[in-house]
Protein backbone atom coordinates (compact mmCIF):
# COMPACT_ATOMS: atom_id res chain seq x y z
CA MET A 1 0.00 0.00 0.00
CA PRO A 2 1.44 3.39 -0.92
CA ASN A 3 1.90 5.84 1.92
CA THR A 4 0.91 8.97 0.01
CA LYS A 5 -1.61 9.90 -2.63
CA SER A 6 1.14 10.75 -5.13
CA ALA A 7 2.85 7.39 -4.54
CA GLY A 8 -0.43 5.66 -5.31
CA LYS A 9 -0.81 7.64 -8.51
CA ARG A 10 2.77 6.78 -9.53
CA ALA A 11 2.08 3.09 -8.88
CA ARG A 12 -1.03 3.19 -11.09
CA SER A 13 0.81 5.16 -13.78
CA ASN A 14 3.75 2.74 -13.73
CA ALA A 15 1.41 -0.23 -14.06
CA LYS A 16 -0.21 1.34 -17.15
CA LYS A 17 3.14 2.11 -18.73
CA ALA A 18 4.45 -1.41 -18.01
CA ALA A 19 1.37 -2.93 -19.66
CA ARG A 20 1.77 -0.70 -22.72
CA ASN A 21 5.48 -1.48 -22.99
CA LYS A 22 4.84 -5.21 -22.66
CA SER A 23 2.24 -5.05 -25.42
CA ILE A 24 4.56 -3.17 -27.77
CA LYS A 25 7.51 -5.50 -27.10
CA SER A 26 5.30 -8.52 -27.67
CA ARG A 27 4.09 -7.13 -31.00
CA VAL A 28 7.65 -6.42 -32.15
CA LYS A 29 8.78 -9.92 -31.21
CA THR A 30 5.84 -11.49 -33.03
CA LEU A 31 6.55 -9.50 -36.19
CA GLU A 32 10.23 -10.44 -35.98
CA LYS A 33 9.39 -14.15 -35.65
CA LYS A 34 7.11 -13.98 -38.71
CA TYR A 35 9.87 -12.24 -40.64
CA LEU A 36 12.50 -14.80 -39.63
CA THR A 37 10.16 -17.63 -40.63
CA LEU A 38 9.77 -16.12 -44.10
CA VAL A 39 13.51 -15.55 -44.45
CA GLY A 40 14.19 -19.14 -43.37
CA ALA A 41 11.72 -20.40 -45.97
CA GLY A 42 13.42 -18.31 -48.65
CA LYS A 43 10.31 -16.26 -49.50
CA VAL A 44 12.15 -13.07 -50.42
CA GLU A 45 9.21 -10.94 -51.60
CA ASP A 46 7.09 -11.73 -48.55
CA ALA A 47 10.11 -11.22 -46.30
CA LYS A 48 10.68 -7.74 -47.76
CA LYS A 49 7.13 -6.74 -46.81
CA ALA A 50 7.54 -8.29 -43.37
CA TYR A 51 10.86 -6.45 -42.91
CA ALA A 52 9.12 -3.13 -43.55
CA ASP A 53 6.60 -3.97 -40.82
CA VAL A 54 9.29 -5.06 -38.35
CA ALA A 55 11.48 -2.01 -39.04
CA SER A 56 8.50 0.28 -38.57
CA ALA A 57 7.57 -1.44 -35.30
CA TYR A 58 11.13 -1.09 -34.00
CA ASP A 59 11.20 2.60 -34.94
CA LYS A 60 7.90 3.24 -33.20
CA ALA A 61 9.02 1.34 -30.10
CA ALA A 62 12.23 3.41 -29.99
CA LYS A 63 10.30 6.63 -30.54
CA GLY A 64 8.08 5.83 -27.58
CA GLY A 65 11.00 4.94 -25.36
CA VAL A 66 10.05 1.26 -25.05
CA ILE A 67 13.46 0.21 -26.38
CA LYS A 68 16.57 2.29 -26.91
CA LYS A 69 17.17 3.91 -30.27
CA GLU A 70 20.52 2.18 -30.69
CA SER A 71 19.00 -1.24 -29.98
CA ALA A 72 16.30 -0.68 -32.58
CA SER A 73 18.88 0.43 -35.13
CA ARG A 74 21.12 -2.56 -34.46
CA LYS A 75 18.27 -5.05 -34.73
CA ARG A 76 16.95 -3.51 -37.95
CA SER A 77 20.43 -3.66 -39.42
CA ARG A 78 20.89 -7.32 -38.56
CA LEU A 79 17.48 -8.22 -39.94
CA GLN A 80 18.31 -6.39 -43.17
CA LEU A 81 21.59 -8.32 -43.46
CA ARG A 82 19.66 -11.58 -43.22
CA LEU A 83 17.26 -10.45 -45.91
CA ASN A 84 20.14 -9.43 -48.18
CA ALA A 85 21.84 -12.81 -47.70
CA THR A 86 18.63 -14.66 -48.47
CA ALA A 87 17.97 -12.55 -51.56
CA ALA A 88 21.52 -13.16 -52.81
CA ALA A 89 21.14 -16.91 -52.25
CA ALA A 90 17.78 -16.90 -54.05
CA ALA A 91 19.27 -15.00 -56.98
CA ALA A 92 22.23 -17.38 -57.18
CA ALA A 93 20.08 -20.51 -57.06
CA PRO A 94 18.34 -20.00 -60.43
CA ALA A 95 21.65 -19.01 -62.03
CA ALA A 96 23.22 -22.25 -60.80
CA LYS A 97 20.43 -24.34 -62.37
CA LYS A 98 21.05 -22.92 -65.84
C-alpha cells in the first residue's frame, strides 16, 4: 500500500506504462518471428514486406522509449543483413540451375 496519494498515482501510472510497454515489445517480437520464418523459408518478396513492418515497429518502439534507439537500429540492421543474404542466395540458385 502506498503511503501517500502521489505514490499511489505513480504506482497506477507505472502499471499502465508497463502494460503498454509489454504489449509493444510482444508485437515487435511477433513480427520479428514472422519475418524470420519467411527468411528461413526463402520467401524473399514476402520477407521484404515483413521487414518493412518489423522495421517500422522497431522505430515506433524506440520513438516511444520502449526500447533504446541504438538497440532498434542494431536489430533492424541485422534483420536487413539476413534479408540481403537470403535474396543473394535466391538469386544465385536459379543461375546455378542454368
